[in-house]
Amino acid sequence: MAATRKQFNPKFKAKAAVEAIRGDRTVSQLASQCHVHPVQIGYWRRTALEQMSNLFMDGWGGRKS
């Protein structure tokens, strides 16, 4: 029997990434709370930080500041 992979929705990933960026708890504590591997939390955090600048690009469809 093959193991099924967990799939997390974008809202869950974003929440975990924001918590990791805040740094109130360690990545290990967050991973334990979210029931994911600490490396996964680190990946979501890095992705969020890298993609955050895209939120403020002109022409993205959001409001311009």
C-alpha atoms as a PDB file:
ATOM      1  CA  MET A   1       0.000   0.000   0.000  1.00  0.00           C
ATOM      2  CA  ALA A   2       1.420   3.367  -0.986  1.00  0.00           C
ATOM      3  CA  ALA A   3       1.424   6.199   1.505  1.00  0.00           C
ATOM      4  CA  THR A   4      -0.600   9.237   0.534  1.00  0.00           C
ATOM      5  CA  ARG A   5       1.071  12.633   0.663  1.00  0.00           C
ATOM      6  CA  LYS A   6      -0.353  15.397   2.806  1.00  0.00           C
ATOM      7  CA  GLN A   7      -1.554  18.450   0.941  1.00  0.00           C
ATOM      8  CA  PHE A   8      -1.779  21.785   2.695  1.00  0.00           C
ATOM      9  CA  ASN A   9      -3.836  24.702   1.435  1.00  0.00           C
ATOM     10  CA  PRO A  10      -2.166  28.043   0.697  1.00  0.00           C
ATOM     11  CA  LYS A  11      -3.781  29.722   3.713  1.00  0.00           C
ATOM     12  CA  PHE A  12      -2.231  27.148   6.062  1.00  0.00           C
ATOM     13  CA  LYS A  13       1.191  27.552   4.419  1.00  0.00           C
ATOM     14  CA  ALA A  14       1.003  31.339   4.635  1.00  0.00           C
ATOM     15  CA  LYS A  15       0.042  31.244   8.294  1.00  0.00           C
ATOM     16  CA  ALA A  16       2.926  28.900   9.109  1.00  0.00           C
ATOM     17  CA  ALA A  17       5.357  31.041   7.088  1.00  0.00           C
ATOM     18  CA  VAL A  18       4.286  34.237   8.850  1.00  0.00           C
ATOM     19  CA  GLU A  19       4.713  32.570  12.232  1.00  0.00           C
ATOM     20  CA  ALA A  20       8.198  31.448  11.204  1.00  0.00           C
ATOM     21  CA  ILE A  21       9.092  34.947   9.996  1.00  0.00           C
ATOM     22  CA  ARG A  22       7.904  36.480  13.272  1.00  0.00           C
ATOM     23  CA  GLY A  23      10.279  34.246  15.208  1.00  0.00           C
ATOM     24  CA  ASP A  24       8.196  34.057  18.388  1.00  0.00           C
ATOM     25  CA  ARG A  25       8.729  30.285  18.435  1.00  0.00           C
ATOM     26  CA  THR A  26      11.429  28.085  17.007  1.00  0.00           C
ATOM     27  CA  VAL A  27      10.917  26.316  13.703  1.00  0.00           C
ATOM     28  CA  SER A  28      10.857  23.013  15.575  1.00  0.00           C
ATOM     29  CA  GLN A  29       8.070  24.235  17.847  1.00  0.00           C
ATOM     30  CA  LEU A  30       6.058  25.457  14.859  1.00  0.00           C
ATOM     31  CA  ALA A  31       6.606  22.206  12.988  1.00  0.00           C
ATOM     32  CA  SER A  32       5.427  20.218  15.974  1.00  0.00           C
ATOM     33  CA  GLN A  33       2.320  22.374  16.311  1.00  0.00           C
ATOM     34  CA  CYS A  34       1.525  22.189  12.580  1.00  0.00           C
ATOM     35  CA  HIS A  35       2.411  18.475  12.270  1.00  0.00           C
ATOM     36  CA  VAL A  36       4.930  19.026   9.464  1.00  0.00           C
ATOM     37  CA  HIS A  37       8.688  18.577   9.136  1.00  0.00           C
ATOM     38  CA  PRO A  38      10.802  21.581  10.201  1.00  0.00           C
ATOM     39  CA  VAL A  39      12.448  21.672   6.761  1.00  0.00           C
ATOM     40  CA  GLN A  40       9.009  22.222   5.227  1.00  0.00           C
ATOM     41  CA  ILE A  41       8.383  25.220   7.491  1.00  0.00           C
ATOM     42  CA  GLY A  42      11.757  26.627   6.435  1.00  0.00           C
ATOM     43  CA  TYR A  43      10.893  26.144   2.764  1.00  0.00           C
ATOM     44  CA  TRP A  44       7.547  27.939   3.168  1.00  0.00           C
ATOM     45  CA  ARG A  45       9.289  30.775   5.063  1.00  0.00           C
ATOM     46  CA  ARG A  46      11.962  31.189   2.386  1.00  0.00           C
ATOM     47  CA  THR A  47       9.363  31.097  -0.405  1.00  0.00           C
ATOM     48  CA  ALA A  48       7.243  33.735   1.351  1.00  0.00           C
ATOM     49  CA  LEU A  49      10.215  36.056   1.802  1.00  0.00           C
ATOM     50  CA  GLU A  50      11.317  35.629  -1.814  1.00  0.00           C
ATOM     51  CA  GLN A  51       7.840  36.194  -3.253  1.00  0.00           C
ATOM     52  CA  MET A  52       6.801  39.032  -0.952  1.00  0.00           C
ATOM     53  CA  SER A  53       8.221  41.705  -3.263  1.00  0.00           C
ATOM     54  CA  ASN A  54       5.806  40.549  -5.979  1.00  0.00           C
ATOM     55  CA  LEU A  55       2.928  41.847  -3.876  1.00  0.00           C
ATOM     56  CA  PHE A  56       4.103  45.402  -4.404  1.00  0.00           C
ATOM     57  CA  MET A  57       4.866  45.278  -8.124  1.00  0.00           C
ATOM     58  CA  ASP A  58       2.977  47.669 -10.414  1.00  0.00           C
ATOM     59  CA  GLY A  59       0.480  45.964 -12.691  1.00  0.00           C
ATOM     60  CA  TRP A  60      -0.085  43.043 -10.338  1.00  0.00           C
ATOM     61  CA  GLY A  61      -3.742  43.932 -10.061  1.00  0.00           C
ATOM     62  CA  GLY A  62      -3.656  45.251  -6.522  1.00  0.00           C
ATOM     63  CA  ARG A  63      -3.730  48.868  -5.481  1.00  0.00           C
ATOM     64  CA  LYS A  64      -0.648  50.946  -6.135  1.00  0.00           C
ATOM     65  CA  SER A  65       1.000  52.611  -3.156  1.00  0.00           C
END
